[in-house]
Every structure is written in structure tokens, then in C-alpha cells.
Amino acid sequence: MPANQSGEAPAGLPERLAALEARLAALEDHEAIRALIARYGPLADSGDAAALAALWAPDGAYEVVGFAIASGHAAIAALIDGPVHRALMAQGCAHLLGPVAITLDGDHAEARGHSVVFRHQAGSFAAHRVAANRWRLRRCNGTWRVVHRANALLDGAEAARVLLAEP
């Protein structure tokens, strides 16, 4: 913007720039979180357990309600390297994560959304697991990481509805 006749910035410009910077930072955070979550499916389907576990903070946890809670990189990687997931991969599978609703709070965030795991069966694909997800994230050294992901089947149980509810 051009300066006024006294050579000063127009009134309100510093506040407007600060507001634009805050909006841009929030958009960048939303995109970084969406990109992190989008990486999960291809990493799970390729069996890259170490890279998948690295999406989590070192003290992070992955909870599959009614099945397992894995805490820390080694335990999260073990879910992907384990017999249940390896058998699913051997049959043919696709982990798809839908759009997420993100709530930012400084260096912390929550994302809520759905996931579907398709399994190859008799020459076609069928939904194997349809679930609700709540991701809690934290900015670690300038990079977003998962602190806790809870995943529950959308089978009518209360657990899934709780994960999708507004914070």
C-alpha cells in the first residue's frame, strides 16, 4: 500500500498485516495436518512401518478401540509389521482417510474424520473396516506430529460417535 503524505503507513496497516499473517499461519497448519494424515494410507498399504510410525511424536499412541493400543514408535510400527496387517496386505488392501475437520489451538490440534479399509476379495474390493477417527496432534520442532489417534468402528457403538463429536 502506498504511504500517506507524511510517509507513514496507512492507519491500521500493522494490525491488518498481523491478521493476515495469523490467517496464513492457520492455513499452513491446516494443510500440514491434512498432508500428515493423508500420508497414513499409502504408508500403511506399502508396509512402510518405520515411516508410518514417524508420523507420531516419540511418546505418541495409536488406539484401535477394542483391539490394541500401541505407544511409541516401535509399538506403532509393530502394528504394521504384525501378522494381522501383513495378512491384510497379502490379500490386497487400501486404507483411505476422508477429509478431516481440524481444530487448532496454538501448537496443539485435533482432527476428526472417517477412514475406510478396503480388502480385495474374489476379484473385487469390499469395505473391510469403516471407522471414526480422532487425531490429537502437537507441533514438535516446527513439524506437526500425532500425539494420539483413536479409531473405532462405526458399528453403532457409542465409542465411534464420541470420536466424531465436536471438541
Protein backbone atom coordinates (compact mmCIF):
# COMPACT_ATOMS: atom_id res chain seq x y z
CA MET A 1 0.00 0.00 0.00
CA PRO A 2 1.27 3.46 -0.69
CA ALA A 3 2.31 5.57 2.25
CA ASN A 4 0.23 8.59 3.14
CA GLN A 5 1.56 12.10 2.56
CA SER A 6 3.60 12.06 5.75
CA GLY A 7 5.42 8.91 4.58
CA GLU A 8 3.73 6.72 7.22
CA ALA A 9 1.87 3.51 6.53
CA PRO A 10 -1.91 3.90 6.30
CA ALA A 11 -3.78 3.67 9.59
CA GLY A 12 -4.48 0.10 10.66
CA LEU A 13 -1.91 -1.46 8.32
CA PRO A 14 0.18 -3.16 11.03
CA GLU A 15 -2.97 -4.74 12.52
CA ARG A 16 -4.19 -5.87 9.10
CA LEU A 17 -0.79 -7.40 8.30
CA ALA A 18 -0.74 -9.19 11.65
CA ALA A 19 -4.24 -10.56 10.98
CA LEU A 20 -3.18 -11.75 7.51
CA GLU A 21 -0.07 -13.41 8.95
CA ALA A 22 -2.21 -15.21 11.54
CA ARG A 23 -4.67 -16.39 8.88
CA LEU A 24 -1.83 -17.60 6.65
CA ALA A 25 -0.21 -19.45 9.56
CA ALA A 26 -3.53 -21.17 10.36
CA LEU A 27 -3.96 -22.22 6.71
CA GLU A 28 -0.41 -23.58 6.63
CA ASP A 29 -1.07 -25.53 9.84
CA HIS A 30 -4.32 -26.97 8.43
CA GLU A 31 -2.54 -28.04 5.24
CA ALA A 32 0.38 -29.59 7.13
CA ILE A 33 -2.03 -31.61 9.30
CA ARG A 34 -4.07 -32.73 6.28
CA ALA A 35 -0.87 -33.77 4.48
CA LEU A 36 0.34 -35.72 7.52
CA ILE A 37 -2.96 -37.62 7.78
CA ALA A 38 -3.05 -38.22 4.01
CA ARG A 39 0.37 -39.92 4.24
CA TYR A 40 -1.00 -42.59 6.58
CA GLY A 41 -2.88 -44.67 3.97
CA PRO A 42 -0.07 -45.02 1.39
CA LEU A 43 2.43 -45.81 4.16
CA ALA A 44 0.12 -48.46 5.65
CA ASP A 45 -0.58 -50.01 2.24
CA SER A 46 3.09 -50.10 1.28
CA GLY A 47 4.03 -51.64 4.63
CA ASP A 48 6.50 -48.87 5.49
CA ALA A 49 6.18 -49.33 9.24
CA ALA A 50 9.08 -47.03 10.20
CA ALA A 51 7.86 -44.09 8.10
CA LEU A 52 4.30 -44.58 9.32
CA ALA A 53 5.43 -44.64 12.97
CA ALA A 54 7.44 -41.46 12.35
CA LEU A 55 4.15 -39.60 11.79
CA TRP A 56 3.74 -39.87 15.58
CA ALA A 57 5.60 -37.99 18.28
CA PRO A 58 8.05 -40.28 20.10
CA ASP A 59 5.61 -40.50 23.03
CA GLY A 60 2.57 -40.85 20.76
CA ALA A 61 -0.05 -43.58 20.85
CA TYR A 62 -2.35 -45.28 18.34
CA GLU A 63 -5.52 -46.76 19.78
CA VAL A 64 -7.69 -49.11 17.78
CA VAL A 65 -10.68 -49.28 20.12
CA GLY A 66 -11.39 -52.88 21.11
CA PHE A 67 -8.21 -54.23 19.51
CA ALA A 68 -4.94 -52.61 20.61
CA ILE A 69 -3.19 -49.57 22.00
CA ALA A 70 0.34 -49.04 20.71
CA SER A 71 2.54 -46.45 22.43
CA GLY A 72 5.80 -45.20 20.94
CA HIS A 73 7.35 -45.64 17.52
CA ALA A 74 8.37 -49.30 17.96
CA ALA A 75 4.90 -50.41 19.06
CA ILE A 76 3.15 -48.43 16.32
CA ALA A 77 5.50 -49.89 13.70
CA ALA A 78 4.78 -53.35 15.10
CA LEU A 79 1.09 -52.93 14.21
CA ILE A 80 2.07 -52.55 10.54
CA ASP A 81 4.69 -55.30 10.70
CA GLY A 82 2.37 -57.61 12.64
CA PRO A 83 0.56 -60.67 11.28
CA VAL A 84 -2.91 -59.08 11.09
CA HIS A 85 -1.79 -56.19 8.92
CA ARG A 86 0.64 -58.29 6.83
CA ALA A 87 -2.18 -60.78 6.06
CA LEU A 88 -4.43 -57.90 5.02
CA MET A 89 -1.70 -56.55 2.72
CA ALA A 90 -1.13 -60.02 1.23
CA GLN A 91 -4.83 -60.17 0.27
CA GLY A 92 -4.74 -56.65 -1.18
CA CYS A 93 -5.99 -53.63 0.73
CA ALA A 94 -6.40 -49.88 0.57
CA HIS A 95 -6.52 -47.54 3.58
CA LEU A 96 -8.47 -44.40 2.68
CA LEU A 97 -8.86 -41.46 5.02
CA GLY A 98 -11.54 -38.90 4.30
CA PRO A 99 -11.38 -35.18 4.82
CA VAL A 100 -10.85 -34.16 8.42
CA ALA A 101 -12.30 -31.33 10.49
CA ILE A 102 -9.39 -29.60 12.22
CA THR A 103 -9.44 -27.50 15.38
CA LEU A 104 -6.25 -25.54 16.08
CA ASP A 105 -5.09 -24.35 19.48
CA GLY A 106 -1.57 -22.93 19.20
CA ASP A 107 0.89 -25.82 18.99
CA HIS A 108 -1.89 -28.38 19.55
CA ALA A 109 -4.66 -29.54 17.24
CA GLU A 110 -7.43 -32.09 16.86
CA ALA A 111 -8.69 -33.62 13.64
CA ARG A 112 -11.85 -35.70 13.29
CA GLY A 113 -12.91 -37.78 10.33
CA HIS A 114 -13.53 -41.17 8.80
CA SER A 115 -11.40 -43.98 7.45
CA VAL A 116 -12.25 -46.96 5.28
CA VAL A 117 -10.11 -50.02 4.71
CA PHE A 118 -10.99 -51.88 1.54
CA ARG A 119 -9.97 -55.51 1.14
CA HIS A 120 -9.57 -57.39 -2.12
CA GLN A 121 -11.91 -60.38 -2.26
CA ALA A 122 -12.76 -62.63 -5.18
CA GLY A 123 -11.62 -60.13 -7.82
CA SER A 124 -13.25 -57.03 -6.35
CA PHE A 125 -12.92 -54.77 -3.33
CA ALA A 126 -15.23 -54.62 -0.32
CA ALA A 127 -15.25 -52.34 2.68
CA HIS A 128 -13.49 -54.27 5.43
CA ARG A 129 -13.42 -51.63 8.16
CA VAL A 130 -15.26 -48.28 8.34
CA ALA A 131 -14.22 -46.22 11.32
CA ALA A 132 -14.38 -42.89 13.10
CA ASN A 133 -11.06 -41.24 13.94
CA ARG A 134 -9.88 -38.55 16.29
CA TRP A 135 -6.29 -37.38 15.91
CA ARG A 136 -4.62 -35.25 18.57
CA LEU A 137 -1.53 -33.52 17.23
CA ARG A 138 1.29 -31.38 18.55
CA ARG A 139 3.86 -29.19 16.83
CA CYS A 140 7.27 -30.72 17.58
CA ASN A 141 10.31 -28.70 16.47
CA GLY A 142 8.18 -26.90 13.88
CA THR A 143 6.60 -30.09 12.47
CA TRP A 144 3.17 -31.50 13.27
CA ARG A 145 3.19 -35.00 14.79
CA VAL A 146 0.43 -37.28 16.06
CA VAL A 147 0.18 -37.49 19.84
CA HIS A 148 -2.81 -39.85 19.89
CA ARG A 149 -5.02 -41.38 17.24
CA ALA A 150 -8.16 -43.20 18.32
CA ASN A 151 -10.00 -45.27 15.75
CA ALA A 152 -13.36 -47.01 16.41
CA LEU A 153 -15.64 -48.99 14.12
CA LEU A 154 -18.80 -47.21 13.00
CA ASP A 155 -20.87 -50.21 14.06
CA GLY A 156 -23.46 -48.32 16.09
CA ALA A 157 -21.38 -48.25 19.26
CA GLU A 158 -21.06 -45.05 21.27
CA ALA A 159 -17.24 -45.09 21.01
CA ALA A 160 -17.29 -44.01 17.37
CA ARG A 161 -19.80 -41.22 17.91
CA VAL A 162 -17.68 -39.82 20.76
CA LEU A 163 -14.64 -39.64 18.45
CA LEU A 164 -16.57 -37.66 15.84
CA ALA A 165 -18.24 -35.25 18.29
CA GLU A 166 -17.18 -31.60 18.31
CA PRO A 167 -14.48 -30.95 20.92
